[in-house]
Amino acid sequence: MADPKPNFLRPTNVDSPCSREFWQGLRTRQFLVRECRGCDSVFFPPRSLCPHCMSDDLGWREIRGSGTLHSWTEVRLASPEFDTPFLLGLIDLPDGCGRLVAKVVDAEVGQLKIGMPVSIRYVDVDEDLTLYCIAVEQDGVGE
């Protein structure tokens, strides 16, 4: 397996009150999204108000670590923190809660198809930080 973590930028919202629990969830291999107690919607990325009803009565919900590939691009030019080229995917999360952008690992350009199943892979990049990337599912089974 290719090492997806040799270079990375530390996210600036790791200690933010509205996303701290999300980052803590990644450490325990849980992908958490926000859940509104006012209108029952779920959404990602985490924020302090529900984008549907503007309520601040929010909780957390764990979702499946999978989704479908909405779009992708091959990045050939990036800042020095990143080894190029790499694949960057836009993923539709389950239950209609949103999309995420992540590095696609262990896949070649010719393997990627819009709508294909993908799974979230957790990568420990530091002793106190876990990030996520996307892996192509093989035969319907995530890696």
N, C-alpha and C. Protein backbone atom coordinates (compact mmCIF):
# COMPACT_ATOMS: atom_id res chain seq x y z
N MET A 1 0.84 -1.18 0.00
CA MET A 1 0.00 0.00 0.00
C MET A 1 0.89 1.24 0.00
N ALA A 2 0.55 2.21 -0.83
CA ALA A 2 1.29 3.46 -0.87
C ALA A 2 1.06 4.22 0.43
N ASP A 3 2.09 4.88 0.93
CA ASP A 3 1.98 5.63 2.17
C ASP A 3 1.33 6.98 1.88
N PRO A 4 0.08 7.22 2.33
CA PRO A 4 -0.61 8.46 2.01
C PRO A 4 -0.22 9.63 2.89
N LYS A 5 0.75 9.46 3.81
CA LYS A 5 0.99 10.50 4.78
C LYS A 5 2.39 11.11 4.82
N PRO A 6 3.25 10.97 3.84
CA PRO A 6 4.60 11.49 4.03
C PRO A 6 4.63 12.99 4.28
N ASN A 7 3.76 13.74 3.66
CA ASN A 7 3.68 15.18 3.85
C ASN A 7 2.22 15.57 4.04
N PHE A 8 1.96 16.47 4.97
CA PHE A 8 0.59 16.93 5.17
C PHE A 8 0.60 18.30 5.83
N LEU A 9 -0.48 18.99 5.68
CA LEU A 9 -0.69 20.25 6.39
C LEU A 9 -1.62 19.97 7.56
N ARG A 10 -1.28 20.43 8.73
CA ARG A 10 -2.13 20.22 9.90
C ARG A 10 -3.39 21.08 9.76
N PRO A 11 -4.56 20.47 9.89
CA PRO A 11 -5.80 21.25 9.79
C PRO A 11 -5.84 22.35 10.86
N THR A 12 -6.39 23.48 10.50
CA THR A 12 -6.43 24.61 11.44
C THR A 12 -7.61 24.54 12.40
N ASN A 13 -8.57 23.65 12.16
CA ASN A 13 -9.77 23.59 13.00
C ASN A 13 -9.80 22.39 13.95
N VAL A 14 -8.64 21.77 14.20
CA VAL A 14 -8.60 20.59 15.06
C VAL A 14 -9.12 20.91 16.46
N ASP A 15 -8.85 22.10 16.96
CA ASP A 15 -9.27 22.47 18.32
C ASP A 15 -10.49 23.39 18.34
N SER A 16 -11.13 23.57 17.20
CA SER A 16 -12.32 24.42 17.14
C SER A 16 -13.47 23.76 17.88
N PRO A 17 -14.24 24.52 18.67
CA PRO A 17 -15.36 23.92 19.41
C PRO A 17 -16.37 23.19 18.53
N CYS A 18 -16.57 23.64 17.30
CA CYS A 18 -17.60 23.00 16.47
C CYS A 18 -17.08 21.77 15.72
N SER A 19 -15.76 21.52 15.74
CA SER A 19 -15.25 20.35 15.01
C SER A 19 -14.32 19.46 15.84
N ARG A 20 -14.03 19.85 17.06
CA ARG A 20 -13.11 19.08 17.91
C ARG A 20 -13.52 17.61 18.02
N GLU A 21 -14.80 17.36 18.24
CA GLU A 21 -15.26 15.98 18.40
C GLU A 21 -15.11 15.18 17.10
N PHE A 22 -15.26 15.83 15.95
CA PHE A 22 -15.03 15.17 14.67
C PHE A 22 -13.61 14.62 14.61
N TRP A 23 -12.62 15.46 14.94
CA TRP A 23 -11.22 15.04 14.90
C TRP A 23 -10.92 13.96 15.93
N GLN A 24 -11.55 14.05 17.09
CA GLN A 24 -11.38 13.00 18.10
C GLN A 24 -11.98 11.69 17.61
N GLY A 25 -13.09 11.75 16.90
CA GLY A 25 -13.71 10.56 16.33
C GLY A 25 -12.79 9.85 15.34
N LEU A 26 -12.08 10.62 14.54
CA LEU A 26 -11.15 10.01 13.58
C LEU A 26 -10.09 9.18 14.29
N ARG A 27 -9.66 9.62 15.47
CA ARG A 27 -8.65 8.87 16.22
C ARG A 27 -9.14 7.47 16.57
N THR A 28 -10.45 7.32 16.78
CA THR A 28 -11.02 6.02 17.13
C THR A 28 -11.72 5.36 15.93
N ARG A 29 -11.37 5.84 14.73
CA ARG A 29 -11.88 5.27 13.48
C ARG A 29 -13.40 5.43 13.35
N GLN A 30 -13.91 6.58 13.80
CA GLN A 30 -15.32 6.92 13.64
C GLN A 30 -15.40 8.16 12.76
N PHE A 31 -16.26 8.11 11.75
CA PHE A 31 -16.49 9.29 10.93
C PHE A 31 -17.79 9.92 11.40
N LEU A 32 -17.69 11.07 12.06
CA LEU A 32 -18.83 11.73 12.67
C LEU A 32 -19.30 12.91 11.84
N VAL A 33 -20.61 13.03 11.73
CA VAL A 33 -21.23 14.19 11.08
C VAL A 33 -22.15 14.85 12.09
N ARG A 34 -22.49 16.09 11.82
CA ARG A 34 -23.40 16.82 12.71
C ARG A 34 -24.83 16.38 12.47
N GLU A 35 -25.59 16.39 13.55
CA GLU A 35 -27.01 16.02 13.52
C GLU A 35 -27.78 17.13 14.22
N CYS A 36 -28.79 17.68 13.53
CA CYS A 36 -29.59 18.76 14.09
C CYS A 36 -30.78 18.17 14.86
N ARG A 37 -30.90 18.56 16.11
CA ARG A 37 -32.03 18.09 16.92
C ARG A 37 -33.29 18.90 16.63
N GLY A 38 -33.13 20.04 15.94
CA GLY A 38 -34.27 20.87 15.61
C GLY A 38 -35.04 20.38 14.40
N CYS A 39 -34.32 19.93 13.35
CA CYS A 39 -35.01 19.52 12.12
C CYS A 39 -34.60 18.11 11.67
N ASP A 40 -33.80 17.40 12.46
CA ASP A 40 -33.38 16.03 12.18
C ASP A 40 -32.49 15.87 10.94
N SER A 41 -31.92 16.95 10.45
CA SER A 41 -31.02 16.81 9.30
C SER A 41 -29.62 16.44 9.78
N VAL A 42 -28.86 15.82 8.90
CA VAL A 42 -27.45 15.53 9.16
C VAL A 42 -26.64 16.24 8.09
N PHE A 43 -25.44 16.70 8.48
CA PHE A 43 -24.66 17.46 7.51
C PHE A 43 -23.16 17.37 7.80
N PHE A 44 -22.41 17.55 6.75
CA PHE A 44 -20.96 17.60 6.78
C PHE A 44 -20.53 18.64 5.76
N PRO A 45 -19.53 19.43 6.04
CA PRO A 45 -18.61 19.41 7.17
C PRO A 45 -19.24 19.98 8.44
N PRO A 46 -18.60 19.71 9.59
CA PRO A 46 -19.12 20.22 10.86
C PRO A 46 -19.15 21.74 10.88
N ARG A 47 -20.20 22.28 11.46
CA ARG A 47 -20.31 23.72 11.68
C ARG A 47 -21.16 23.94 12.91
N SER A 48 -21.22 25.16 13.38
CA SER A 48 -21.88 25.44 14.66
C SER A 48 -23.37 25.67 14.55
N LEU A 49 -23.89 25.87 13.34
CA LEU A 49 -25.33 26.05 13.12
C LEU A 49 -25.80 25.11 12.02
N CYS A 50 -27.02 24.62 12.14
CA CYS A 50 -27.60 23.78 11.10
C CYS A 50 -27.80 24.62 9.83
N PRO A 51 -27.33 24.14 8.69
CA PRO A 51 -27.50 24.92 7.46
C PRO A 51 -28.94 24.90 6.94
N HIS A 52 -29.79 24.06 7.52
CA HIS A 52 -31.17 23.94 7.06
C HIS A 52 -32.12 24.83 7.87
N CYS A 53 -31.97 24.83 9.21
CA CYS A 53 -32.90 25.60 10.05
C CYS A 53 -32.21 26.61 10.96
N MET A 54 -30.88 26.67 10.90
CA MET A 54 -30.05 27.59 11.68
C MET A 54 -30.07 27.31 13.18
N SER A 55 -30.52 26.14 13.59
CA SER A 55 -30.51 25.77 15.00
C SER A 55 -29.08 25.52 15.48
N ASP A 56 -28.84 25.82 16.75
CA ASP A 56 -27.55 25.47 17.34
C ASP A 56 -27.68 24.27 18.28
N ASP A 57 -28.83 23.60 18.24
CA ASP A 57 -29.06 22.40 19.05
C ASP A 57 -28.59 21.19 18.23
N LEU A 58 -27.28 20.91 18.33
CA LEU A 58 -26.65 19.92 17.46
C LEU A 58 -26.02 18.80 18.26
N GLY A 59 -25.98 17.63 17.66
CA GLY A 59 -25.29 16.49 18.22
C GLY A 59 -24.39 15.89 17.16
N TRP A 60 -23.95 14.68 17.40
CA TRP A 60 -23.07 13.97 16.47
C TRP A 60 -23.66 12.63 16.13
N ARG A 61 -23.41 12.17 14.92
CA ARG A 61 -23.85 10.85 14.47
C ARG A 61 -22.72 10.21 13.67
N GLU A 62 -22.45 8.94 13.96
CA GLU A 62 -21.46 8.21 13.19
C GLU A 62 -22.12 7.70 11.92
N ILE A 63 -21.43 7.85 10.79
CA ILE A 63 -21.95 7.32 9.53
C ILE A 63 -21.02 6.22 9.03
N ARG A 64 -21.53 5.45 8.08
CA ARG A 64 -20.71 4.41 7.46
C ARG A 64 -19.46 5.03 6.85
N GLY A 65 -18.40 4.31 6.86
CA GLY A 65 -17.14 4.80 6.30
C GLY A 65 -17.05 4.56 4.82
N SER A 66 -18.09 4.93 4.09
CA SER A 66 -18.10 4.71 2.66
C SER A 66 -18.89 5.80 1.96
N GLY A 67 -18.83 5.79 0.65
CA GLY A 67 -19.58 6.75 -0.14
C GLY A 67 -19.40 6.42 -1.61
N THR A 68 -19.72 7.37 -2.46
CA THR A 68 -19.54 7.18 -3.89
C THR A 68 -18.73 8.34 -4.46
N LEU A 69 -17.98 8.04 -5.48
CA LEU A 69 -17.13 9.05 -6.11
C LEU A 69 -18.00 9.97 -6.97
N HIS A 70 -18.03 11.25 -6.61
CA HIS A 70 -18.82 12.23 -7.35
C HIS A 70 -17.99 12.82 -8.50
N SER A 71 -16.72 13.09 -8.22
CA SER A 71 -15.81 13.64 -9.22
C SER A 71 -14.39 13.45 -8.71
N TRP A 72 -13.42 13.70 -9.56
CA TRP A 72 -12.03 13.57 -9.15
C TRP A 72 -11.14 14.35 -10.11
N THR A 73 -9.92 14.60 -9.67
CA THR A 73 -8.93 15.25 -10.52
C THR A 73 -7.55 14.72 -10.15
N GLU A 74 -6.64 14.82 -11.07
CA GLU A 74 -5.25 14.48 -10.80
C GLU A 74 -4.49 15.78 -10.59
N VAL A 75 -3.91 15.94 -9.40
CA VAL A 75 -3.17 17.15 -9.06
C VAL A 75 -1.70 16.93 -9.41
N ARG A 76 -1.18 17.77 -10.27
CA ARG A 76 0.22 17.65 -10.69
C ARG A 76 1.08 18.78 -10.15
N LEU A 77 0.45 19.87 -9.75
CA LEU A 77 1.19 21.02 -9.23
C LEU A 77 0.55 21.42 -7.90
N ALA A 78 1.34 21.40 -6.83
CA ALA A 78 0.83 21.74 -5.50
C ALA A 78 1.95 22.35 -4.68
N SER A 79 1.61 22.86 -3.51
CA SER A 79 2.63 23.43 -2.63
C SER A 79 3.59 22.33 -2.17
N PRO A 80 4.76 22.70 -1.68
CA PRO A 80 5.80 21.72 -1.35
C PRO A 80 5.40 20.69 -0.29
N GLU A 81 4.35 20.95 0.47
CA GLU A 81 3.92 20.01 1.50
C GLU A 81 3.36 18.72 0.92
N PHE A 82 3.07 18.71 -0.38
CA PHE A 82 2.44 17.56 -1.00
C PHE A 82 3.32 16.96 -2.07
N ASP A 83 3.39 15.63 -2.08
CA ASP A 83 4.08 14.91 -3.14
C ASP A 83 3.13 14.82 -4.34
N THR A 84 3.56 15.24 -5.50
CA THR A 84 2.73 15.18 -6.69
C THR A 84 3.30 14.17 -7.66
N PRO A 85 2.49 13.65 -8.56
CA PRO A 85 1.05 13.86 -8.67
C PRO A 85 0.29 13.02 -7.65
N PHE A 86 -0.96 13.45 -7.38
CA PHE A 86 -1.85 12.66 -6.54
C PHE A 86 -3.28 12.85 -7.03
N LEU A 87 -4.14 11.94 -6.63
CA LEU A 87 -5.55 11.99 -7.01
C LEU A 87 -6.35 12.59 -5.87
N LEU A 88 -7.26 13.50 -6.22
CA LEU A 88 -8.12 14.14 -5.24
C LEU A 88 -9.56 13.86 -5.64
N GLY A 89 -10.32 13.30 -4.71
CA GLY A 89 -11.69 12.92 -5.02
C GLY A 89 -12.72 13.73 -4.26
N LEU A 90 -13.86 13.92 -4.87
CA LEU A 90 -15.03 14.54 -4.24
C LEU A 90 -16.02 13.41 -4.02
N ILE A 91 -16.36 13.14 -2.77
CA ILE A 91 -17.12 11.96 -2.38
C ILE A 91 -18.49 12.35 -1.86
N ASP A 92 -19.54 11.68 -2.36
CA ASP A 92 -20.87 11.82 -1.79
C ASP A 92 -20.95 10.89 -0.59
N LEU A 93 -21.20 11.47 0.58
CA LEU A 93 -21.32 10.68 1.80
C LEU A 93 -22.69 10.00 1.86
N PRO A 94 -22.81 8.93 2.66
CA PRO A 94 -24.10 8.25 2.76
C PRO A 94 -25.15 9.12 3.44
N ASP A 95 -26.40 8.76 3.22
CA ASP A 95 -27.54 9.42 3.85
C ASP A 95 -27.71 10.88 3.46
N GLY A 96 -27.08 11.30 2.34
CA GLY A 96 -27.26 12.65 1.84
C GLY A 96 -26.74 13.74 2.76
N CYS A 97 -25.76 13.42 3.59
CA CYS A 97 -25.30 14.41 4.57
C CYS A 97 -24.24 15.36 4.04
N GLY A 98 -23.79 15.17 2.82
CA GLY A 98 -22.83 16.11 2.26
C GLY A 98 -21.76 15.43 1.44
N ARG A 99 -20.74 16.19 1.14
CA ARG A 99 -19.61 15.70 0.35
C ARG A 99 -18.32 16.03 1.08
N LEU A 100 -17.31 15.24 0.80
CA LEU A 100 -16.00 15.55 1.32
C LEU A 100 -14.97 15.45 0.22
N VAL A 101 -13.90 16.18 0.38
CA VAL A 101 -12.78 16.15 -0.54
C VAL A 101 -11.65 15.43 0.17
N ALA A 102 -11.03 14.48 -0.50
CA ALA A 102 -9.94 13.74 0.12
C ALA A 102 -9.01 13.16 -0.94
N LYS A 103 -7.79 12.88 -0.51
CA LYS A 103 -6.82 12.22 -1.37
C LYS A 103 -7.29 10.79 -1.62
N VAL A 104 -7.19 10.35 -2.86
CA VAL A 104 -7.53 8.97 -3.24
C VAL A 104 -6.23 8.18 -3.23
N VAL A 105 -6.21 7.06 -2.51
CA VAL A 105 -4.99 6.26 -2.40
C VAL A 105 -5.20 4.89 -3.03
N ASP A 106 -4.08 4.28 -3.41
CA ASP A 106 -4.07 2.92 -3.96
C ASP A 106 -4.97 2.76 -5.18
N ALA A 107 -4.98 3.77 -6.04
CA ALA A 107 -5.77 3.71 -7.27
C ALA A 107 -5.02 4.44 -8.37
N GLU A 108 -5.26 4.00 -9.58
CA GLU A 108 -4.71 4.66 -10.76
C GLU A 108 -5.84 5.42 -11.45
N VAL A 109 -5.47 6.41 -12.25
CA VAL A 109 -6.46 7.23 -12.95
C VAL A 109 -7.46 6.37 -13.71
N GLY A 110 -6.99 5.34 -14.40
CA GLY A 110 -7.86 4.51 -15.22
C GLY A 110 -8.87 3.69 -14.43
N GLN A 111 -8.68 3.55 -13.13
CA GLN A 111 -9.60 2.78 -12.29
C GLN A 111 -10.79 3.60 -11.82
N LEU A 112 -10.66 4.91 -11.84
CA LEU A 112 -11.69 5.77 -11.25
C LEU A 112 -12.85 5.99 -12.20
N LYS A 113 -14.06 5.83 -11.65
CA LYS A 113 -15.28 6.05 -12.41
C LYS A 113 -16.28 6.78 -11.53
N ILE A 114 -16.92 7.79 -12.08
CA ILE A 114 -17.95 8.53 -11.35
C ILE A 114 -19.02 7.54 -10.87
N GLY A 115 -19.41 7.66 -9.60
CA GLY A 115 -20.44 6.80 -9.04
C GLY A 115 -19.92 5.52 -8.41
N MET A 116 -18.62 5.26 -8.53
CA MET A 116 -18.08 4.01 -7.98
C MET A 116 -18.02 4.09 -6.45
N PRO A 117 -18.14 2.94 -5.78
CA PRO A 117 -18.06 2.94 -4.32
C PRO A 117 -16.62 3.17 -3.85
N VAL A 118 -16.51 3.94 -2.79
CA VAL A 118 -15.22 4.20 -2.15
C VAL A 118 -15.40 4.08 -0.64
N SER A 119 -14.30 3.92 0.05
CA SER A 119 -14.38 3.83 1.51
C SER A 119 -13.38 4.78 2.13
N ILE A 120 -13.69 5.20 3.35
CA ILE A 120 -12.81 6.09 4.10
C ILE A 120 -11.73 5.24 4.75
N ARG A 121 -10.50 5.68 4.60
CA ARG A 121 -9.37 5.03 5.26
C ARG A 121 -8.76 6.04 6.23
N TYR A 122 -8.47 5.60 7.42
CA TYR A 122 -7.92 6.46 8.46
C TYR A 122 -6.40 6.34 8.46
N VAL A 123 -5.73 7.50 8.61
CA VAL A 123 -4.28 7.55 8.55
C VAL A 123 -3.77 8.32 9.77
N ASP A 124 -3.05 7.65 10.64
CA ASP A 124 -2.44 8.30 11.79
C ASP A 124 -1.19 9.04 11.30
N VAL A 125 -1.23 10.36 11.28
CA VAL A 125 -0.13 11.15 10.75
C VAL A 125 0.75 11.72 11.84
N ASP A 126 0.26 11.70 13.05
CA ASP A 126 0.97 12.25 14.19
C ASP A 126 0.45 11.52 15.41
N GLU A 127 1.12 11.66 16.54
CA GLU A 127 0.66 10.94 17.72
C GLU A 127 -0.70 11.40 18.21
N ASP A 128 -1.10 12.61 17.83
CA ASP A 128 -2.40 13.11 18.27
C ASP A 128 -3.32 13.53 17.11
N LEU A 129 -3.01 13.08 15.90
CA LEU A 129 -3.82 13.48 14.76
C LEU A 129 -4.01 12.33 13.77
N THR A 130 -5.27 12.08 13.45
CA THR A 130 -5.63 11.12 12.42
C THR A 130 -6.35 11.88 11.32
N LEU A 131 -5.95 11.64 10.09
CA LEU A 131 -6.62 12.22 8.92
C LEU A 131 -7.35 11.11 8.19
N TYR A 132 -8.06 11.47 7.13
CA TYR A 132 -8.76 10.47 6.33
C TYR A 132 -8.36 10.63 4.88
N CYS A 133 -8.42 9.52 4.16
CA CYS A 133 -8.24 9.53 2.72
C CYS A 133 -9.29 8.56 2.17
N ILE A 134 -9.29 8.38 0.88
CA ILE A 134 -10.30 7.57 0.23
C ILE A 134 -9.64 6.41 -0.50
N ALA A 135 -10.20 5.23 -0.33
CA ALA A 135 -9.72 4.04 -1.02
C ALA A 135 -10.83 3.50 -1.91
N VAL A 136 -10.46 3.05 -3.09
CA VAL A 136 -11.42 2.43 -4.01
C VAL A 136 -11.79 1.08 -3.44
N GLU A 137 -13.07 0.77 -3.40
CA GLU A 137 -13.52 -0.52 -2.91
C GLU A 137 -13.30 -1.57 -3.97
N GLN A 138 -12.79 -2.70 -3.58
CA GLN A 138 -12.54 -3.81 -4.49
C GLN A 138 -13.66 -4.84 -4.32
N ASP A 139 -14.37 -5.16 -5.39
CA ASP A 139 -15.44 -6.16 -5.36
C ASP A 139 -16.48 -5.86 -4.29
N GLY A 140 -16.76 -4.55 -4.08
CA GLY A 140 -17.79 -4.17 -3.14
C GLY A 140 -17.37 -4.24 -1.69
N VAL A 141 -16.10 -4.51 -1.43
CA VAL A 141 -15.62 -4.60 -0.05
C VAL A 141 -14.54 -3.54 0.15
N GLY A 142 -14.71 -2.68 1.16
CA GLY A 142 -13.72 -1.66 1.45
C GLY A 142 -12.47 -2.28 2.00
N GLU A 143 -11.36 -1.58 1.82
CA GLU A 143 -10.08 -2.11 2.31
C GLU A 143 -9.85 -1.71 3.74
